[in-house]
Amino acid sequence: MQPPFASDQVKAAFDVPDAVARNGLLALRQLIFDTAAETPEAGRVEEALRWGQPSYLTPERRTGSTIRLGVPKGARFALFVHCQSRLIPEFAAAFPAWDRFEGTRAILFEDPAEIEPLRHGWLIKRALTYRIRKPLEIPA
């Protein structure tokens, strides 16, 4: 069950014409909230609009790097992180040849079935705890 949207504006950002993209964005949103619930060190995750896209931040503990969801030009939907962070390079090193990337800023998707909770949840957890120095853990 999807958590309630933070605002009508955030909810409207998910109203994209492509139903496959909408379902994918909602699946990523759910994975962000599920991962946040399993990551107490990140604190509360806040949903807001940044650059017109649904964004997820850790405002109280400020442990994370912003995660955004959107529809890029080169794919149906995407999960974006800060392009100057180490997040995408670390993810690509941990899971080589699995995903399609847009530089160091996004994982690109064509279908919600491509979302893998263990792999993509790992990236989300890393983003939510980006400012906490931890060794790189690759799930088995």
N, C-alpha and C. Protein backbone atom coordinates (compact mmCIF):
# COMPACT_ATOMS: atom_id res chain seq x y z
N MET A 1 0.83 -1.18 0.00
CA MET A 1 0.00 0.00 0.00
C MET A 1 0.89 1.25 0.00
N GLN A 2 0.63 2.15 -0.91
CA GLN A 2 1.41 3.38 -1.03
C GLN A 2 1.14 4.30 0.17
N PRO A 3 2.20 4.89 0.72
CA PRO A 3 1.97 5.89 1.76
C PRO A 3 1.29 7.11 1.16
N PRO A 4 0.61 7.90 1.97
CA PRO A 4 -0.04 9.11 1.44
C PRO A 4 1.01 10.08 0.89
N PHE A 5 0.62 10.83 -0.12
CA PHE A 5 1.52 11.81 -0.71
C PHE A 5 1.68 13.00 0.24
N ALA A 6 2.84 13.62 0.20
CA ALA A 6 3.13 14.76 1.06
C ALA A 6 2.27 15.98 0.72
N SER A 7 1.88 16.08 -0.55
CA SER A 7 1.05 17.22 -0.97
C SER A 7 0.35 16.87 -2.28
N ASP A 8 -0.62 17.67 -2.62
CA ASP A 8 -1.30 17.48 -3.91
C ASP A 8 -0.34 17.73 -5.07
N GLN A 9 0.63 18.62 -4.89
CA GLN A 9 1.61 18.90 -5.94
C GLN A 9 2.51 17.69 -6.19
N VAL A 10 2.91 17.03 -5.11
CA VAL A 10 3.73 15.81 -5.27
C VAL A 10 2.90 14.74 -5.95
N LYS A 11 1.68 14.57 -5.52
CA LYS A 11 0.79 13.57 -6.14
C LYS A 11 0.63 13.85 -7.64
N ALA A 12 0.47 15.11 -7.99
CA ALA A 12 0.30 15.49 -9.40
C ALA A 12 1.54 15.18 -10.23
N ALA A 13 2.72 15.20 -9.61
CA ALA A 13 3.95 14.91 -10.33
C ALA A 13 4.00 13.45 -10.82
N PHE A 14 3.21 12.59 -10.20
CA PHE A 14 3.15 11.19 -10.62
C PHE A 14 2.12 10.96 -11.72
N ASP A 15 1.35 11.96 -12.04
CA ASP A 15 0.32 11.84 -13.07
C ASP A 15 0.93 12.03 -14.45
N VAL A 16 1.83 11.13 -14.83
CA VAL A 16 2.44 11.18 -16.16
C VAL A 16 1.55 10.40 -17.12
N PRO A 17 1.52 10.79 -18.39
CA PRO A 17 0.62 10.14 -19.36
C PRO A 17 0.93 8.66 -19.60
N ASP A 18 2.18 8.27 -19.50
CA ASP A 18 2.59 6.89 -19.75
C ASP A 18 2.31 6.05 -18.50
N ALA A 19 1.35 5.14 -18.58
CA ALA A 19 0.96 4.32 -17.43
C ALA A 19 2.10 3.44 -16.94
N VAL A 20 2.92 2.94 -17.85
CA VAL A 20 4.07 2.10 -17.44
C VAL A 20 5.05 2.94 -16.62
N ALA A 21 5.33 4.16 -17.10
CA ALA A 21 6.23 5.05 -16.35
C ALA A 21 5.64 5.39 -14.99
N ARG A 22 4.35 5.70 -14.94
CA ARG A 22 3.69 6.02 -13.67
C ARG A 22 3.82 4.86 -12.69
N ASN A 23 3.55 3.64 -13.16
CA ASN A 23 3.67 2.47 -12.29
C ASN A 23 5.10 2.28 -11.81
N GLY A 24 6.06 2.52 -12.67
CA GLY A 24 7.46 2.41 -12.29
C GLY A 24 7.86 3.45 -11.26
N LEU A 25 7.43 4.68 -11.47
CA LEU A 25 7.73 5.74 -10.51
C LEU A 25 7.11 5.43 -9.15
N LEU A 26 5.88 4.94 -9.16
CA LEU A 26 5.22 4.58 -7.89
C LEU A 26 5.92 3.40 -7.22
N ALA A 27 6.42 2.46 -8.01
CA ALA A 27 7.16 1.32 -7.43
C ALA A 27 8.47 1.81 -6.80
N LEU A 28 9.16 2.72 -7.45
CA LEU A 28 10.38 3.28 -6.87
C LEU A 28 10.07 4.07 -5.60
N ARG A 29 8.98 4.82 -5.62
CA ARG A 29 8.56 5.58 -4.43
C ARG A 29 8.33 4.63 -3.27
N GLN A 30 7.63 3.54 -3.52
CA GLN A 30 7.37 2.56 -2.46
C GLN A 30 8.68 1.96 -1.95
N LEU A 31 9.60 1.66 -2.86
CA LEU A 31 10.90 1.10 -2.46
C LEU A 31 11.68 2.11 -1.60
N ILE A 32 11.59 3.38 -1.92
CA ILE A 32 12.26 4.40 -1.10
C ILE A 32 11.70 4.38 0.32
N PHE A 33 10.38 4.39 0.45
CA PHE A 33 9.78 4.39 1.79
C PHE A 33 10.05 3.07 2.53
N ASP A 34 10.00 1.95 1.82
CA ASP A 34 10.30 0.66 2.45
C ASP A 34 11.74 0.62 2.94
N THR A 35 12.66 1.09 2.11
CA THR A 35 14.07 1.10 2.48
C THR A 35 14.32 2.05 3.64
N ALA A 36 13.69 3.21 3.61
CA ALA A 36 13.83 4.17 4.70
C ALA A 36 13.35 3.57 6.02
N ALA A 37 12.26 2.81 5.98
CA ALA A 37 11.73 2.19 7.19
C ALA A 37 12.72 1.18 7.78
N GLU A 38 13.55 0.59 6.91
CA GLU A 38 14.56 -0.39 7.35
C GLU A 38 15.91 0.27 7.63
N THR A 39 15.97 1.60 7.57
CA THR A 39 17.23 2.32 7.74
C THR A 39 17.04 3.40 8.80
N PRO A 40 16.94 3.01 10.07
CA PRO A 40 16.66 4.00 11.12
C PRO A 40 17.72 5.08 11.24
N GLU A 41 18.96 4.78 10.87
CA GLU A 41 20.02 5.78 10.99
C GLU A 41 19.80 6.99 10.07
N ALA A 42 18.96 6.83 9.06
CA ALA A 42 18.66 7.94 8.15
C ALA A 42 17.67 8.92 8.77
N GLY A 43 16.88 8.46 9.72
CA GLY A 43 15.84 9.31 10.28
C GLY A 43 14.64 9.40 9.35
N ARG A 44 13.81 10.38 9.60
CA ARG A 44 12.59 10.56 8.82
C ARG A 44 12.93 10.99 7.39
N VAL A 45 12.21 10.41 6.44
CA VAL A 45 12.36 10.80 5.04
C VAL A 45 11.21 11.71 4.68
N GLU A 46 11.56 12.83 4.08
CA GLU A 46 10.56 13.82 3.68
C GLU A 46 10.40 13.78 2.16
N GLU A 47 9.14 13.81 1.73
CA GLU A 47 8.82 13.84 0.31
C GLU A 47 8.46 15.28 -0.06
N ALA A 48 9.10 15.79 -1.11
CA ALA A 48 8.85 17.17 -1.54
C ALA A 48 9.08 17.26 -3.05
N LEU A 49 8.78 18.41 -3.62
CA LEU A 49 9.09 18.65 -5.03
C LEU A 49 10.38 19.44 -5.12
N ARG A 50 11.32 18.96 -5.93
CA ARG A 50 12.56 19.67 -6.24
C ARG A 50 12.71 19.61 -7.75
N TRP A 51 12.89 20.74 -8.37
CA TRP A 51 13.01 20.81 -9.83
C TRP A 51 11.81 20.16 -10.52
N GLY A 52 10.63 20.28 -9.86
CA GLY A 52 9.40 19.74 -10.40
C GLY A 52 9.28 18.23 -10.30
N GLN A 53 10.20 17.58 -9.59
CA GLN A 53 10.19 16.13 -9.47
C GLN A 53 10.00 15.71 -8.01
N PRO A 54 9.32 14.58 -7.78
CA PRO A 54 9.24 14.05 -6.41
C PRO A 54 10.65 13.77 -5.90
N SER A 55 10.92 14.28 -4.71
CA SER A 55 12.26 14.16 -4.13
C SER A 55 12.17 13.67 -2.70
N TYR A 56 13.21 12.99 -2.25
CA TYR A 56 13.22 12.35 -0.95
C TYR A 56 14.49 12.76 -0.23
N LEU A 57 14.31 13.36 0.96
CA LEU A 57 15.41 13.94 1.71
C LEU A 57 15.36 13.46 3.16
N THR A 58 16.46 13.65 3.87
CA THR A 58 16.52 13.32 5.30
C THR A 58 16.75 14.63 6.06
N PRO A 59 15.71 15.44 6.26
CA PRO A 59 15.88 16.81 6.77
C PRO A 59 16.33 16.92 8.23
N GLU A 60 15.96 15.98 9.05
CA GLU A 60 16.28 16.11 10.47
C GLU A 60 17.72 15.71 10.77
N ARG A 61 18.13 14.58 10.29
CA ARG A 61 19.49 14.11 10.56
C ARG A 61 20.47 14.52 9.47
N ARG A 62 19.94 14.91 8.33
CA ARG A 62 20.75 15.36 7.20
C ARG A 62 21.85 14.35 6.85
N THR A 63 21.47 13.08 6.88
CA THR A 63 22.41 12.00 6.60
C THR A 63 22.51 11.67 5.12
N GLY A 64 21.52 12.08 4.35
CA GLY A 64 21.44 11.59 2.98
C GLY A 64 21.69 12.62 1.91
N SER A 65 21.72 12.09 0.71
CA SER A 65 21.77 12.88 -0.51
C SER A 65 20.38 12.75 -1.14
N THR A 66 19.89 13.82 -1.73
CA THR A 66 18.54 13.82 -2.29
C THR A 66 18.37 12.77 -3.38
N ILE A 67 17.26 12.06 -3.31
CA ILE A 67 16.85 11.12 -4.35
C ILE A 67 15.67 11.75 -5.07
N ARG A 68 15.69 11.74 -6.40
CA ARG A 68 14.56 12.27 -7.16
C ARG A 68 14.06 11.21 -8.13
N LEU A 69 12.79 11.30 -8.46
CA LEU A 69 12.17 10.41 -9.44
C LEU A 69 11.65 11.25 -10.59
N GLY A 70 11.80 10.73 -11.81
CA GLY A 70 11.32 11.52 -12.93
C GLY A 70 11.33 10.75 -14.24
N VAL A 71 10.96 11.47 -15.29
CA VAL A 71 10.88 10.92 -16.64
C VAL A 71 11.94 11.63 -17.48
N PRO A 72 13.06 10.95 -17.74
CA PRO A 72 14.12 11.56 -18.55
C PRO A 72 13.84 11.41 -20.04
N LYS A 73 14.66 12.04 -20.84
CA LYS A 73 14.49 11.94 -22.30
C LYS A 73 14.84 10.55 -22.82
N GLY A 74 15.80 9.87 -22.20
CA GLY A 74 16.30 8.61 -22.75
C GLY A 74 15.70 7.35 -22.18
N ALA A 75 14.62 7.45 -21.43
CA ALA A 75 14.01 6.26 -20.82
C ALA A 75 12.59 6.59 -20.39
N ARG A 76 11.86 5.56 -19.97
CA ARG A 76 10.49 5.79 -19.50
C ARG A 76 10.45 6.48 -18.15
N PHE A 77 11.35 6.06 -17.24
CA PHE A 77 11.42 6.67 -15.92
C PHE A 77 12.80 6.44 -15.34
N ALA A 78 13.12 7.19 -14.28
CA ALA A 78 14.47 7.11 -13.72
C ALA A 78 14.48 7.44 -12.24
N LEU A 79 15.54 6.97 -11.59
CA LEU A 79 15.86 7.33 -10.22
C LEU A 79 17.13 8.18 -10.31
N PHE A 80 17.06 9.43 -9.83
CA PHE A 80 18.17 10.37 -9.91
C PHE A 80 18.82 10.56 -8.54
N VAL A 81 20.13 10.75 -8.55
CA VAL A 81 20.88 11.12 -7.35
C VAL A 81 21.77 12.31 -7.74
N HIS A 82 22.42 12.90 -6.76
CA HIS A 82 23.28 14.04 -7.02
C HIS A 82 24.44 13.59 -7.92
N CYS A 83 24.63 14.30 -9.02
CA CYS A 83 25.61 13.88 -10.03
C CYS A 83 27.05 13.99 -9.55
N GLN A 84 27.32 14.79 -8.53
CA GLN A 84 28.69 14.92 -8.04
C GLN A 84 28.98 13.99 -6.86
N SER A 85 28.03 13.13 -6.55
CA SER A 85 28.25 12.16 -5.48
C SER A 85 28.94 10.92 -6.04
N ARG A 86 29.31 10.03 -5.16
CA ARG A 86 29.92 8.74 -5.55
C ARG A 86 28.86 7.66 -5.74
N LEU A 87 27.59 7.99 -5.59
CA LEU A 87 26.54 6.98 -5.54
C LEU A 87 26.45 6.11 -6.79
N ILE A 88 26.32 6.69 -7.95
CA ILE A 88 26.18 5.88 -9.17
C ILE A 88 27.48 5.14 -9.48
N PRO A 89 28.66 5.78 -9.40
CA PRO A 89 29.89 5.00 -9.63
C PRO A 89 30.04 3.81 -8.69
N GLU A 90 29.72 3.99 -7.40
CA GLU A 90 29.80 2.87 -6.45
C GLU A 90 28.79 1.79 -6.80
N PHE A 91 27.59 2.21 -7.15
CA PHE A 91 26.54 1.26 -7.52
C PHE A 91 26.95 0.46 -8.76
N ALA A 92 27.48 1.14 -9.77
CA ALA A 92 27.90 0.47 -11.00
C ALA A 92 29.05 -0.49 -10.73
N ALA A 93 29.93 -0.15 -9.81
CA ALA A 93 31.03 -1.05 -9.46
C ALA A 93 30.52 -2.27 -8.69
N ALA A 94 29.53 -2.06 -7.83
CA ALA A 94 28.98 -3.16 -7.03
C ALA A 94 28.11 -4.09 -7.87
N PHE A 95 27.44 -3.53 -8.86
CA PHE A 95 26.52 -4.31 -9.69
C PHE A 95 26.80 -4.03 -11.17
N PRO A 96 27.96 -4.48 -11.66
CA PRO A 96 28.31 -4.19 -13.05
C PRO A 96 27.38 -4.89 -14.04
N ALA A 97 27.12 -4.20 -15.13
CA ALA A 97 26.37 -4.76 -16.28
C ALA A 97 24.92 -5.10 -15.98
N TRP A 98 24.34 -4.48 -14.97
CA TRP A 98 22.95 -4.77 -14.65
C TRP A 98 22.00 -3.68 -15.13
N ASP A 99 22.42 -2.43 -15.02
CA ASP A 99 21.52 -1.31 -15.27
C ASP A 99 22.06 -0.39 -16.34
N ARG A 100 21.18 0.47 -16.82
CA ARG A 100 21.54 1.51 -17.78
C ARG A 100 21.58 2.82 -17.01
N PHE A 101 22.62 3.62 -17.26
CA PHE A 101 22.84 4.85 -16.50
C PHE A 101 22.81 6.07 -17.40
N GLU A 102 22.50 7.19 -16.80
CA GLU A 102 22.70 8.49 -17.44
C GLU A 102 23.82 9.16 -16.66
N GLY A 103 25.03 9.00 -17.15
CA GLY A 103 26.20 9.55 -16.47
C GLY A 103 26.28 9.10 -15.03
N THR A 104 26.55 10.05 -14.15
CA THR A 104 26.64 9.75 -12.72
C THR A 104 25.41 10.25 -11.97
N ARG A 105 24.30 10.47 -12.72
CA ARG A 105 23.14 11.06 -12.06
C ARG A 105 21.90 10.21 -12.02
N ALA A 106 21.80 9.13 -12.82
CA ALA A 106 20.52 8.40 -12.84
C ALA A 106 20.68 6.96 -13.28
N ILE A 107 19.74 6.14 -12.79
CA ILE A 107 19.51 4.80 -13.31
C ILE A 107 18.26 4.91 -14.16
N LEU A 108 18.33 4.39 -15.37
CA LEU A 108 17.22 4.49 -16.32
C LEU A 108 16.46 3.18 -16.38
N PHE A 109 15.14 3.29 -16.49
CA PHE A 109 14.27 2.13 -16.53
C PHE A 109 13.30 2.23 -17.70
N GLU A 110 12.92 1.08 -18.24
CA GLU A 110 11.89 1.01 -19.28
C GLU A 110 10.62 0.33 -18.77
N ASP A 111 10.76 -0.47 -17.71
CA ASP A 111 9.64 -1.25 -17.22
C ASP A 111 9.76 -1.42 -15.70
N PRO A 112 8.66 -1.38 -14.97
CA PRO A 112 8.73 -1.59 -13.52
C PRO A 112 9.34 -2.94 -13.13
N ALA A 113 9.24 -3.93 -14.00
CA ALA A 113 9.82 -5.25 -13.71
C ALA A 113 11.34 -5.19 -13.58
N GLU A 114 11.97 -4.13 -14.09
CA GLU A 114 13.42 -3.97 -13.98
C GLU A 114 13.85 -3.55 -12.58
N ILE A 115 12.92 -3.08 -11.77
CA ILE A 115 13.26 -2.65 -10.41
C ILE A 115 13.49 -3.89 -9.57
N GLU A 116 14.67 -3.98 -8.99
CA GLU A 116 15.03 -5.13 -8.16
C GLU A 116 15.24 -4.61 -6.74
N PRO A 117 14.38 -4.99 -5.81
CA PRO A 117 14.44 -4.42 -4.46
C PRO A 117 15.79 -4.56 -3.76
N LEU A 118 16.47 -5.67 -3.90
CA LEU A 118 17.75 -5.83 -3.21
C LEU A 118 18.79 -4.88 -3.82
N ARG A 119 18.93 -4.90 -5.11
CA ARG A 119 19.94 -4.10 -5.79
C ARG A 119 19.63 -2.60 -5.71
N HIS A 120 18.44 -2.22 -6.11
CA HIS A 120 18.09 -0.80 -6.11
C HIS A 120 17.85 -0.28 -4.69
N GLY A 121 17.40 -1.16 -3.81
CA GLY A 121 17.29 -0.79 -2.40
C GLY A 121 18.64 -0.47 -1.79
N TRP A 122 19.68 -1.18 -2.26
CA TRP A 122 21.04 -0.91 -1.81
C TRP A 122 21.44 0.52 -2.16
N LEU A 123 21.16 0.93 -3.39
CA LEU A 123 21.48 2.30 -3.82
C LEU A 123 20.68 3.32 -3.01
N ILE A 124 19.41 3.06 -2.80
CA ILE A 124 18.58 3.98 -2.02
C ILE A 124 19.10 4.11 -0.60
N LYS A 125 19.46 2.99 0.02
CA LYS A 125 20.01 3.04 1.38
C LYS A 125 21.30 3.84 1.40
N ARG A 126 22.16 3.63 0.40
CA ARG A 126 23.41 4.40 0.33
C ARG A 126 23.12 5.88 0.19
N ALA A 127 22.10 6.25 -0.59
CA ALA A 127 21.75 7.66 -0.75
C ALA A 127 21.20 8.24 0.55
N LEU A 128 20.36 7.48 1.25
CA LEU A 128 19.77 7.96 2.50
C LEU A 128 20.80 8.13 3.62
N THR A 129 21.92 7.44 3.50
CA THR A 129 22.96 7.48 4.55
C THR A 129 24.28 8.00 3.98
N TYR A 130 24.23 8.75 2.91
CA TYR A 130 25.43 9.17 2.18
C TYR A 130 26.44 9.90 3.05
N ARG A 131 26.01 10.69 3.99
CA ARG A 131 26.92 11.48 4.81
C ARG A 131 27.40 10.74 6.06
N ILE A 132 26.99 9.50 6.21
CA ILE A 132 27.48 8.66 7.31
C ILE A 132 28.60 7.81 6.73
N ARG A 133 29.78 7.96 7.26
CA ARG A 133 30.93 7.19 6.75
C ARG A 133 30.77 5.72 7.13
N LYS A 134 30.61 4.89 6.11
CA LYS A 134 30.46 3.45 6.33
C LYS A 134 31.25 2.73 5.26
N PRO A 135 31.76 1.53 5.56
CA PRO A 135 32.40 0.76 4.50
C PRO A 135 31.38 0.33 3.46
N LEU A 136 31.84 0.17 2.25
CA LEU A 136 30.99 -0.26 1.14
C LEU A 136 30.58 -1.70 1.37
N GLU A 137 29.28 -1.95 1.50
CA GLU A 137 28.76 -3.29 1.74
C GLU A 137 28.01 -3.73 0.50
N ILE A 138 28.42 -4.85 -0.08
CA ILE A 138 27.75 -5.39 -1.24
C ILE A 138 26.94 -6.60 -0.79
N PRO A 139 25.62 -6.60 -1.01
CA PRO A 139 24.81 -7.73 -0.56
C PRO A 139 25.18 -9.01 -1.27
N ALA A 140 25.05 -10.11 -0.56
CA ALA A 140 25.39 -11.42 -1.13
C ALA A 140 24.26 -11.94 -2.00
